[in-house]
Amino acid sequence: MNSYIESVDFFKGNDPEDIVATYGTPVYVYNEDIIRKHMQAVTKVITRYPYTANYSIKANTNLSILKIALEEHVNCDAMSVGEIKMLEKVGFPYGRIFFVPNNVSNDEMQYAIDRNIMTSLDSLEQLAQYGELNPGGKCAVRINPGVGAGHHEKVVTAGKKTKFGISEEFIPQIFETAEKYNLRIAGINQHIGSLFMKPDPYIAAVENLLRIAKQFEDLEFIDFGGGYGIPYHKLDDEPEYPMEEFCAALEPILDKFVVEYGHAPLFKSEPGRYCVAEGSVILSRVHAVKENNEKIYVGTDCGMNVLVRPSMYDSWHDIEVLRDGKVVPRTDMREVNISGNICESGDLLAHDRLLPGTRKGDLLCILDTGAYGYSMCSTYNSRPRPAEVMIKSDGSVKLIRHAETYEDLFALYEGIE
C-alpha cells in the first residue's frame, strides 16, 4: 500500500497543512467515520445470544469519543473513579458501566457501590473489602485463567507472571468469601492480553473461561475480555483482524456451552484498541535532519511525551511523509531513525525505518494513534500536551480538546508568589 490516509480519505478533503496552521504540531487528528465503523463492528460479535460490547475506555477517554460510544450502543469499562466520572459527564447510565479496577481504596470502591455500578474484584482481599463495604451485594470476579498472550510482555494480562485476576485454584475461596458476606457472584471476567491478529488465542481463552464458568451457578454474565488487534503494518499490506472468521468460530462454542449450562447468560467483550486505534493519526513537523555515525536522524516535535508506545513497548506505527499537504510517494526510500524532542536517548518513534527522502519542514503522519496515544500523554520536559481535533462525518474539522498552554503547567501549584 502506497498511502493509507489516501486510500481511506482520512482527512476528507481537508489539507493537513491547514489543520496544523490552526492547531499547531504535534496534533492528534481523529476520523469520526472510522471510529463509528469499528464501534459498530464490535456490537455484532455475538448475535444469537444476549451480548454487549464494553469499550475499555483506558484506550482513549476523550469525551467526544465516549459520546460516540454512547450513540453507537456500546457499553463501557472503567478502571478508576476518574474514568467513571468521564462517563458520567457524557451521560452514560450507570447500568452501562462495568467497573474493573485493581488495588483500589475503600473510597474508590464505595463510589461505584453508591451508584450501583457492577464491579469486578481482582483479588480475594478486594472481594472481602467489597463484602465489608456492601454486605449482601452483587458483584463479579476477575479470573486469571493461567495463560496469557499479547504483542509485548507488558500487555499480557493473564498467566503466571502478571498481577491481574484470581487464579482458578482459589475459586473455592471465592465462594467462601462470598458466603461470608452474603455476596452474589453475578459474573466473571477475564482479559488475557492485547493485540491479537488471529482469532485462535482468543477462541482458546473463551473456551477456557467457559470451562471455568461451569464452576459458578447461575451467572448473569460472562465477560471474555478484549484484545482484537488492528494492522499496525498496514503500509506493508498487513491484513485486518478477521472479524467475520472470528465470529463464525465463536458461535458453535457458545451454542455448546448454553446447552450444557442450561441457559444463556449475557456475554460480554472488552474491546479497546480495536474501537479507536485506526481512527487517529498524529501530525508532527520535521525540524531537523542530521547524520550521526552513518545513521540518519529525522528530528520531529512528536516526542515520547506525546506518543509513548514506541519507547515503552517497542511498538510499530506506520509513518507517511507529507509535503505541501500531499503524501510523498514511497519511492527512493532510505533508512532513518525518527526522533522526538525529549531529552532521553529512548525518545525514538522508529528505528531504522525506510521512508522516502524526508526534509526539514515536512509533516510526518503517524498512523494508528487513537488507542493508548493521548490517554498516555504526559508533560515530561514541561512540554504542554497537544490539541485533539475530529474530522466529522460531514468533513468539517472540530476541536475536541484544546492544546495545553504553558500557563496550564502552573495551574496546580500553590505557595509560589
Protein backbone atom coordinates (compact mmCIF):
# COMPACT_ATOMS: atom_id res chain seq x y z
CA MET A 1 0.00 0.00 0.00
CA ASN A 2 1.45 3.35 -1.00
CA SER A 3 -0.75 5.51 1.22
CA TYR A 4 -3.27 4.51 3.84
CA ILE A 5 -4.56 8.02 4.51
CA GLU A 6 -5.30 8.48 0.80
CA SER A 7 -6.94 5.05 0.48
CA VAL A 8 -9.46 5.85 3.25
CA ASP A 9 -9.63 9.61 2.56
CA PHE A 10 -8.69 10.13 6.19
CA PHE A 11 -8.72 13.94 6.05
CA LYS A 12 -11.94 14.09 3.96
CA GLY A 13 -10.57 16.71 1.62
CA ASN A 14 -9.02 18.87 4.33
CA ASP A 15 -5.43 19.98 3.78
CA PRO A 16 -3.29 18.74 6.70
CA GLU A 17 -1.27 21.95 6.48
CA ASP A 18 -4.45 23.94 7.13
CA ILE A 19 -5.13 21.80 10.20
CA VAL A 20 -1.70 22.36 11.69
CA ALA A 21 -1.79 26.06 10.80
CA THR A 22 -4.83 26.32 13.07
CA TYR A 23 -3.97 23.86 15.85
CA GLY A 24 -0.18 23.56 15.75
CA THR A 25 2.04 20.49 15.85
CA PRO A 26 2.03 17.90 17.12
CA VAL A 27 -1.72 17.40 16.92
CA TYR A 28 -3.96 14.34 17.24
CA VAL A 29 -6.44 14.14 14.35
CA TYR A 30 -9.41 11.74 14.57
CA ASN A 31 -11.78 10.50 11.86
CA GLU A 32 -15.34 10.12 13.16
CA ASP A 33 -16.46 7.68 10.46
CA ILE A 34 -13.61 5.22 11.15
CA ILE A 35 -14.31 5.23 14.89
CA ARG A 36 -18.03 4.68 14.34
CA LYS A 37 -17.36 1.85 11.88
CA HIS A 38 -15.20 -0.01 14.40
CA MET A 39 -17.62 0.53 17.26
CA GLN A 40 -20.48 -0.75 15.14
CA ALA A 41 -18.41 -3.84 14.28
CA VAL A 42 -17.81 -4.81 17.93
CA THR A 43 -21.54 -4.65 18.73
CA LYS A 44 -22.14 -7.50 16.25
CA VAL A 45 -19.60 -10.04 17.53
CA ILE A 46 -22.36 -12.17 19.08
CA THR A 47 -25.86 -12.00 17.61
CA ARG A 48 -27.52 -15.29 18.66
CA TYR A 49 -27.38 -14.64 22.42
CA PRO A 50 -27.62 -11.62 24.74
CA TYR A 51 -24.41 -9.63 24.24
CA THR A 52 -22.81 -6.27 24.92
CA ALA A 53 -19.50 -4.85 23.80
CA ASN A 54 -17.89 -2.82 26.58
CA TYR A 55 -15.41 -0.29 25.21
CA SER A 56 -12.39 -0.26 27.50
CA ILE A 57 -12.06 3.49 27.83
CA LYS A 58 -8.49 3.49 29.11
CA ALA A 59 -7.59 3.26 25.41
CA ASN A 60 -8.96 6.78 24.86
CA THR A 61 -11.11 8.83 27.22
CA ASN A 62 -11.76 11.87 25.04
CA LEU A 63 -15.32 12.95 25.80
CA SER A 64 -16.24 13.20 22.11
CA ILE A 65 -15.21 9.57 21.61
CA LEU A 66 -17.15 8.47 24.68
CA LYS A 67 -20.18 10.26 23.25
CA ILE A 68 -19.78 8.25 20.04
CA ALA A 69 -19.74 5.04 22.11
CA LEU A 70 -22.94 6.14 23.84
CA GLU A 71 -24.61 6.83 20.49
CA GLU A 72 -23.42 3.54 18.95
CA HIS A 73 -24.90 1.49 21.84
CA VAL A 74 -21.50 0.41 23.12
CA ASN A 75 -21.21 0.00 26.89
CA CYS A 76 -18.00 0.91 28.69
CA ASP A 77 -15.44 -0.46 31.13
CA ALA A 78 -13.94 1.94 33.65
CA MET A 79 -10.78 1.29 35.65
CA SER A 80 -10.93 4.25 38.05
CA VAL A 81 -13.29 6.78 39.57
CA GLY A 82 -11.85 9.30 37.13
CA GLU A 83 -12.98 7.15 34.22
CA ILE A 84 -16.42 6.72 35.78
CA LYS A 85 -16.65 10.50 36.05
CA MET A 86 -15.73 10.86 32.38
CA LEU A 87 -18.61 8.52 31.50
CA GLU A 88 -20.96 10.40 33.82
CA LYS A 89 -20.01 13.61 32.05
CA VAL A 90 -21.30 12.37 28.66
CA GLY A 91 -24.46 10.85 30.12
CA PHE A 92 -23.69 7.13 30.41
CA PRO A 93 -26.29 5.37 32.59
CA TYR A 94 -24.68 3.53 35.49
CA GLY A 95 -26.16 0.27 34.19
CA ARG A 96 -23.96 0.59 31.10
CA ILE A 97 -20.73 0.93 33.08
CA PHE A 98 -18.63 -2.01 34.31
CA PHE A 99 -16.06 -1.07 36.96
CA VAL A 100 -12.97 -3.31 36.61
CA PRO A 101 -10.34 -1.86 38.95
CA ASN A 102 -7.48 -3.43 40.82
CA ASN A 103 -5.90 -2.44 44.13
CA VAL A 104 -8.33 0.38 44.93
CA SER A 105 -9.15 2.13 48.18
CA ASN A 106 -12.38 1.92 50.16
CA ASP A 107 -13.35 5.37 48.90
CA GLU A 108 -12.95 4.40 45.25
CA MET A 109 -14.84 1.15 45.68
CA GLN A 110 -17.60 2.94 47.62
CA TYR A 111 -18.03 5.43 44.78
CA ALA A 112 -19.11 2.58 42.49
CA ILE A 113 -21.22 0.91 45.18
CA ASP A 114 -23.13 4.12 45.87
CA ARG A 115 -24.06 4.32 42.18
CA ASN A 116 -24.98 0.64 41.85
CA ILE A 117 -22.26 0.14 39.24
CA MET A 118 -21.41 -3.51 38.66
CA THR A 119 -17.88 -4.05 39.97
CA SER A 120 -15.37 -6.80 39.28
CA LEU A 121 -12.98 -7.73 42.08
CA ASP A 122 -9.40 -8.55 41.18
CA SER A 123 -8.28 -10.45 44.30
CA LEU A 124 -9.67 -12.33 47.27
CA GLU A 125 -8.71 -9.43 49.50
CA GLN A 126 -10.54 -6.94 47.31
CA LEU A 127 -13.56 -9.27 47.27
CA ALA A 128 -13.56 -9.26 51.09
CA GLN A 129 -13.15 -5.49 51.05
CA TYR A 130 -16.20 -5.20 48.81
CA GLY A 131 -18.13 -7.51 51.13
CA GLU A 132 -17.30 -5.36 54.14
CA LEU A 133 -18.47 -2.24 52.31
CA ASN A 134 -21.53 -3.80 50.68
CA PRO A 135 -22.68 -6.96 52.50
CA GLY A 136 -25.45 -8.70 50.60
CA GLY A 137 -24.41 -7.00 47.39
CA LYS A 138 -23.88 -8.29 43.87
CA CYS A 139 -20.52 -8.25 42.10
CA ALA A 140 -18.21 -10.01 39.66
CA VAL A 141 -14.75 -11.51 39.98
CA ARG A 142 -11.86 -11.33 37.56
CA ILE A 143 -10.38 -14.73 36.84
CA ASN A 144 -6.78 -15.28 35.82
CA PRO A 145 -7.14 -18.29 33.52
CA GLY A 146 -3.46 -19.18 33.81
CA VAL A 147 -2.49 -18.36 30.23
CA GLY A 148 -1.84 -15.02 28.58
CA ALA A 149 -0.85 -13.60 25.24
CA GLY A 150 -0.05 -10.31 23.56
CA HIS A 151 2.41 -8.44 21.37
CA HIS A 152 4.65 -7.46 24.32
CA GLU A 153 5.11 -8.83 27.84
CA LYS A 154 3.80 -5.54 29.26
CA VAL A 155 0.39 -6.06 27.65
CA VAL A 156 -0.03 -9.71 28.68
CA THR A 157 -2.71 -9.54 31.37
CA ALA A 158 -3.12 -13.16 32.38
CA GLY A 159 -0.84 -16.06 33.14
CA LYS A 160 1.70 -16.88 35.84
CA LYS A 161 3.68 -13.63 35.62
CA THR A 162 1.01 -10.94 35.80
CA LYS A 163 -0.66 -9.08 38.64
CA PHE A 164 -4.23 -9.43 37.35
CA GLY A 165 -7.09 -11.63 38.50
CA ILE A 166 -7.72 -14.54 40.85
CA SER A 167 -6.15 -17.85 39.89
CA GLU A 168 -8.50 -20.72 39.20
CA GLU A 169 -7.10 -22.68 42.16
CA PHE A 170 -8.63 -20.09 44.51
CA ILE A 171 -12.21 -20.41 43.26
CA PRO A 172 -13.25 -22.28 46.44
CA GLN A 173 -12.05 -19.29 48.47
CA ILE A 174 -14.15 -17.02 46.22
CA PHE A 175 -17.21 -18.98 47.27
CA GLU A 176 -16.18 -18.90 50.94
CA THR A 177 -15.71 -15.14 50.88
CA ALA A 178 -18.99 -14.62 49.04
CA GLU A 179 -20.81 -16.75 51.60
CA LYS A 180 -19.21 -14.88 54.50
CA TYR A 181 -20.53 -11.54 53.25
CA ASN A 182 -23.68 -12.87 51.59
CA LEU A 183 -22.42 -11.69 48.21
CA ARG A 184 -23.97 -12.76 44.91
CA ILE A 185 -21.30 -13.53 42.28
CA ALA A 186 -23.22 -12.34 39.24
CA GLY A 187 -20.45 -12.53 36.67
CA ILE A 188 -16.89 -13.50 35.85
CA ASN A 189 -14.49 -11.72 33.54
CA GLN A 190 -11.02 -12.18 32.16
CA HIS A 191 -8.53 -10.39 29.94
CA ILE A 192 -5.57 -12.38 28.69
CA GLY A 193 -3.79 -9.66 26.71
CA SER A 194 -3.91 -7.30 23.77
CA LEU A 195 -3.36 -7.12 20.02
CA PHE A 196 -4.38 -10.50 18.64
CA MET A 197 -4.32 -10.54 14.86
CA LYS A 198 -5.55 -14.14 14.59
CA PRO A 199 -8.65 -15.46 16.36
CA ASP A 200 -7.02 -18.62 17.76
CA PRO A 201 -5.66 -17.25 21.09
CA TYR A 202 -8.92 -15.50 21.88
CA ILE A 203 -11.04 -18.51 20.94
CA ALA A 204 -8.90 -20.72 23.18
CA ALA A 205 -9.32 -18.21 26.02
CA VAL A 206 -13.11 -18.18 25.53
CA GLU A 207 -13.25 -21.99 25.70
CA ASN A 208 -11.15 -21.98 28.84
CA LEU A 209 -13.26 -19.33 30.59
CA LEU A 210 -16.48 -21.17 29.70
CA ARG A 211 -14.98 -24.29 31.26
CA ILE A 212 -14.26 -22.29 34.42
CA ALA A 213 -17.73 -20.72 34.32
CA LYS A 214 -19.34 -24.11 34.89
CA GLN A 215 -17.98 -23.96 38.45
CA PHE A 216 -20.27 -20.96 39.11
CA GLU A 217 -24.03 -21.36 39.42
CA ASP A 218 -26.49 -19.18 37.57
CA LEU A 219 -24.13 -16.49 36.30
CA GLU A 220 -25.82 -13.39 34.91
CA PHE A 221 -22.90 -12.59 32.62
CA ILE A 222 -19.57 -13.89 31.33
CA ASP A 223 -17.05 -11.35 30.05
CA PHE A 224 -14.42 -12.70 27.66
CA GLY A 225 -12.24 -9.58 27.68
CA GLY A 226 -10.81 -7.75 24.71
CA GLY A 227 -7.69 -7.92 22.63
CA TYR A 228 -8.69 -7.84 18.94
CA GLY A 229 -5.87 -6.15 17.10
CA ILE A 230 -5.50 -3.74 14.21
CA PRO A 231 -2.89 -3.89 11.44
CA TYR A 232 -0.08 -1.59 12.57
CA HIS A 233 1.94 -2.65 9.49
CA LYS A 234 -0.77 -1.66 7.03
CA LEU A 235 1.65 0.05 4.62
CA ASP A 236 3.16 -3.42 4.15
CA ASP A 237 -0.35 -4.77 3.45
CA GLU A 238 -0.87 -6.47 6.81
CA PRO A 239 -4.49 -7.72 6.74
CA GLU A 240 -7.25 -6.56 9.07
CA TYR A 241 -8.31 -8.69 12.04
CA PRO A 242 -10.61 -11.36 10.51
CA MET A 243 -13.71 -10.37 12.45
CA GLU A 244 -16.14 -12.45 10.38
CA GLU A 245 -13.98 -15.55 10.73
CA PHE A 246 -13.72 -14.95 14.47
CA CYS A 247 -17.48 -14.56 14.91
CA ALA A 248 -18.14 -17.73 12.92
CA ALA A 249 -15.69 -19.71 15.07
CA LEU A 250 -17.14 -18.32 18.30
CA GLU A 251 -20.79 -19.17 17.68
CA PRO A 252 -20.67 -23.01 17.95
CA ILE A 253 -18.59 -22.76 21.12
CA LEU A 254 -21.30 -20.63 22.70
CA ASP A 255 -24.00 -23.00 21.43
CA LYS A 256 -22.34 -25.93 23.17
CA PHE A 257 -21.90 -24.02 26.43
CA VAL A 258 -25.50 -22.78 26.54
CA VAL A 259 -26.81 -26.33 26.17
CA GLU A 260 -24.52 -27.63 28.90
CA TYR A 261 -25.06 -24.67 31.27
CA GLY A 262 -28.83 -24.69 30.86
CA HIS A 263 -29.31 -21.07 29.88
CA ALA A 264 -27.59 -18.25 28.04
CA PRO A 265 -26.10 -15.61 30.32
CA LEU A 266 -25.25 -12.19 28.97
CA PHE A 267 -21.97 -12.47 27.09
CA LYS A 268 -19.59 -9.51 27.05
CA SER A 269 -16.32 -8.50 25.46
CA GLU A 270 -13.98 -5.59 26.25
CA PRO A 271 -12.56 -4.14 23.02
CA GLY A 272 -10.38 -1.09 23.50
CA ARG A 273 -7.71 -0.70 20.85
CA TYR A 274 -9.92 -2.09 18.07
CA CYS A 275 -12.51 0.64 18.61
CA VAL A 276 -10.24 3.65 18.28
CA ALA A 277 -6.67 2.91 17.18
CA GLU A 278 -7.17 3.31 13.43
CA GLY A 279 -9.35 6.38 13.98
CA SER A 280 -6.46 8.73 14.74
CA VAL A 281 -3.18 9.99 13.35
CA ILE A 282 -0.63 12.43 14.74
CA LEU A 283 0.64 15.22 12.53
CA SER A 284 4.18 16.19 13.52
CA ARG A 285 6.63 18.67 12.00
CA VAL A 286 10.17 17.76 10.97
CA HIS A 287 12.52 20.36 12.44
CA ALA A 288 15.93 18.84 11.71
CA VAL A 289 17.62 16.09 9.72
CA LYS A 290 21.14 15.05 10.64
CA GLU A 291 23.65 12.21 10.31
CA ASN A 292 25.41 10.67 13.30
CA ASN A 293 27.83 7.78 12.84
CA GLU A 294 26.39 6.91 9.44
CA LYS A 295 22.82 6.93 10.77
CA ILE A 296 20.25 9.49 9.67
CA TYR A 297 18.07 11.06 12.35
CA VAL A 298 14.85 12.84 11.45
CA GLY A 299 14.05 15.15 14.36
CA THR A 300 10.39 15.95 14.99
CA ASP A 301 8.22 17.68 17.59
CA CYS A 302 6.43 14.40 18.47
CA GLY A 303 8.33 13.16 21.48
CA MET A 304 7.68 10.25 23.82
CA ASN A 305 5.58 12.63 25.92
CA VAL A 306 3.07 12.74 23.03
CA LEU A 307 3.26 9.08 21.94
CA VAL A 308 4.99 6.79 24.43
CA ARG A 309 4.13 3.40 22.88
CA PRO A 310 7.31 3.06 20.75
CA SER A 311 9.53 3.83 23.73
CA MET A 312 7.54 1.76 26.25
CA TYR A 313 6.54 -1.26 24.16
CA ASP A 314 8.84 -1.10 21.11
CA SER A 315 5.60 -0.55 19.22
CA TRP A 316 5.49 -0.02 15.47
CA HIS A 317 3.49 2.84 13.97
CA ASP A 318 3.47 3.27 10.20
CA ILE A 319 4.54 6.74 9.13
CA GLU A 320 3.69 8.66 5.98
CA VAL A 321 5.57 11.75 4.85
CA LEU A 322 3.58 14.80 3.74
CA ARG A 323 4.98 17.73 1.79
CA ASP A 324 2.84 20.75 0.96
CA GLY A 325 -0.16 18.76 2.23
CA LYS A 326 0.40 15.85 -0.16
CA VAL A 327 1.70 12.34 0.50
CA VAL A 328 5.28 11.84 -0.64
CA PRO A 329 5.35 8.61 -2.72
CA ARG A 330 7.13 5.66 -1.15
CA THR A 331 9.96 5.65 -3.66
CA ASP A 332 13.65 6.46 -3.26
CA MET A 333 13.42 5.09 0.27
CA ARG A 334 16.22 5.47 2.77
CA GLU A 335 16.76 4.13 6.26
CA VAL A 336 16.22 6.70 9.00
CA ASN A 337 15.58 6.96 12.73
CA ILE A 338 12.65 9.16 13.75
CA SER A 339 13.36 11.00 17.00
CA GLY A 340 11.35 13.37 19.15
CA ASN A 341 12.29 16.47 21.13
CA ILE A 342 12.61 14.89 24.59
CA CYS A 343 15.95 14.67 26.41
CA GLU A 344 16.03 10.87 26.51
CA SER A 345 18.04 8.50 24.35
CA GLY A 346 14.93 6.30 24.16
CA ASP A 347 12.89 9.09 22.55
CA LEU A 348 12.60 7.37 19.19
CA LEU A 349 9.39 6.83 17.23
CA ALA A 350 11.05 4.49 14.74
CA HIS A 351 14.37 2.65 14.41
CA ASP A 352 15.99 2.05 11.03
CA ARG A 353 12.73 2.81 9.21
CA LEU A 354 12.56 3.02 5.42
CA LEU A 355 10.95 6.32 4.44
CA PRO A 356 11.00 8.46 1.32
CA GLY A 357 13.55 11.28 1.46
CA THR A 358 12.50 13.50 4.36
CA ARG A 359 13.31 17.20 4.70
CA LYS A 360 13.07 19.89 7.31
CA GLY A 361 9.55 21.34 7.13
CA ASP A 362 7.82 18.10 6.10
CA LEU A 363 4.92 16.75 8.10
CA LEU A 364 5.02 13.21 9.40
CA CYS A 365 1.65 11.49 9.62
CA ILE A 366 1.96 8.85 12.34
CA LEU A 367 -0.78 6.25 11.88
CA ASP A 368 -2.97 4.30 14.30
CA THR A 369 -2.54 6.54 17.34
CA GLY A 370 -6.12 6.51 18.63
CA ALA A 371 -5.51 3.85 21.30
CA TYR A 372 -3.09 4.47 24.16
CA GLY A 373 -1.90 7.63 22.46
CA TYR A 374 -3.29 10.74 24.07
CA SER A 375 -4.50 8.74 27.08
CA MET A 376 -0.84 8.07 27.94
CA CYS A 377 0.42 11.59 27.14
CA SER A 378 2.45 13.47 29.73
CA THR A 379 4.04 16.87 30.24
CA TYR A 380 7.53 15.40 30.58
CA ASN A 381 10.25 18.00 29.92
CA SER A 382 7.49 20.53 30.79
CA ARG A 383 6.04 20.28 27.30
CA PRO A 384 2.29 21.00 27.22
CA ARG A 385 0.09 18.28 25.77
CA PRO A 386 -1.20 18.77 22.21
CA ALA A 387 -4.65 19.52 20.83
CA GLU A 388 -7.08 16.88 19.59
CA VAL A 389 -9.33 17.54 16.59
CA MET A 390 -12.03 15.46 14.90
CA ILE A 391 -12.76 15.20 11.18
CA LYS A 392 -16.55 14.95 11.37
CA SER A 393 -18.67 12.80 9.08
CA ASP A 394 -19.59 15.90 7.07
CA GLY A 395 -15.90 16.75 6.56
CA SER A 396 -15.79 19.63 8.99
CA VAL A 397 -12.89 19.90 11.44
CA LYS A 398 -13.86 20.24 15.10
CA LEU A 399 -11.58 20.96 18.05
CA ILE A 400 -12.36 18.34 20.71
CA ARG A 401 -9.60 19.22 23.20
CA HIS A 402 -7.57 22.40 23.42
CA ALA A 403 -3.80 22.23 23.40
CA GLU A 404 -2.41 22.91 26.84
CA THR A 405 -0.59 26.17 27.39
CA TYR A 406 2.45 26.99 29.50
CA GLU A 407 0.06 28.64 31.94
CA ASP A 408 -1.67 25.26 32.34
CA LEU A 409 1.63 23.83 33.60
CA PHE A 410 1.45 26.21 36.58
CA ALA A 411 -2.27 25.74 37.31
CA LEU A 412 -1.97 23.26 40.19
CA TYR A 413 0.90 24.87 42.07
CA GLU A 414 0.43 26.63 45.40
CA GLY A 415 2.62 28.68 47.68
CA ILE A 416 4.69 30.38 44.96
CA GLU A 417 4.40 34.18 44.94
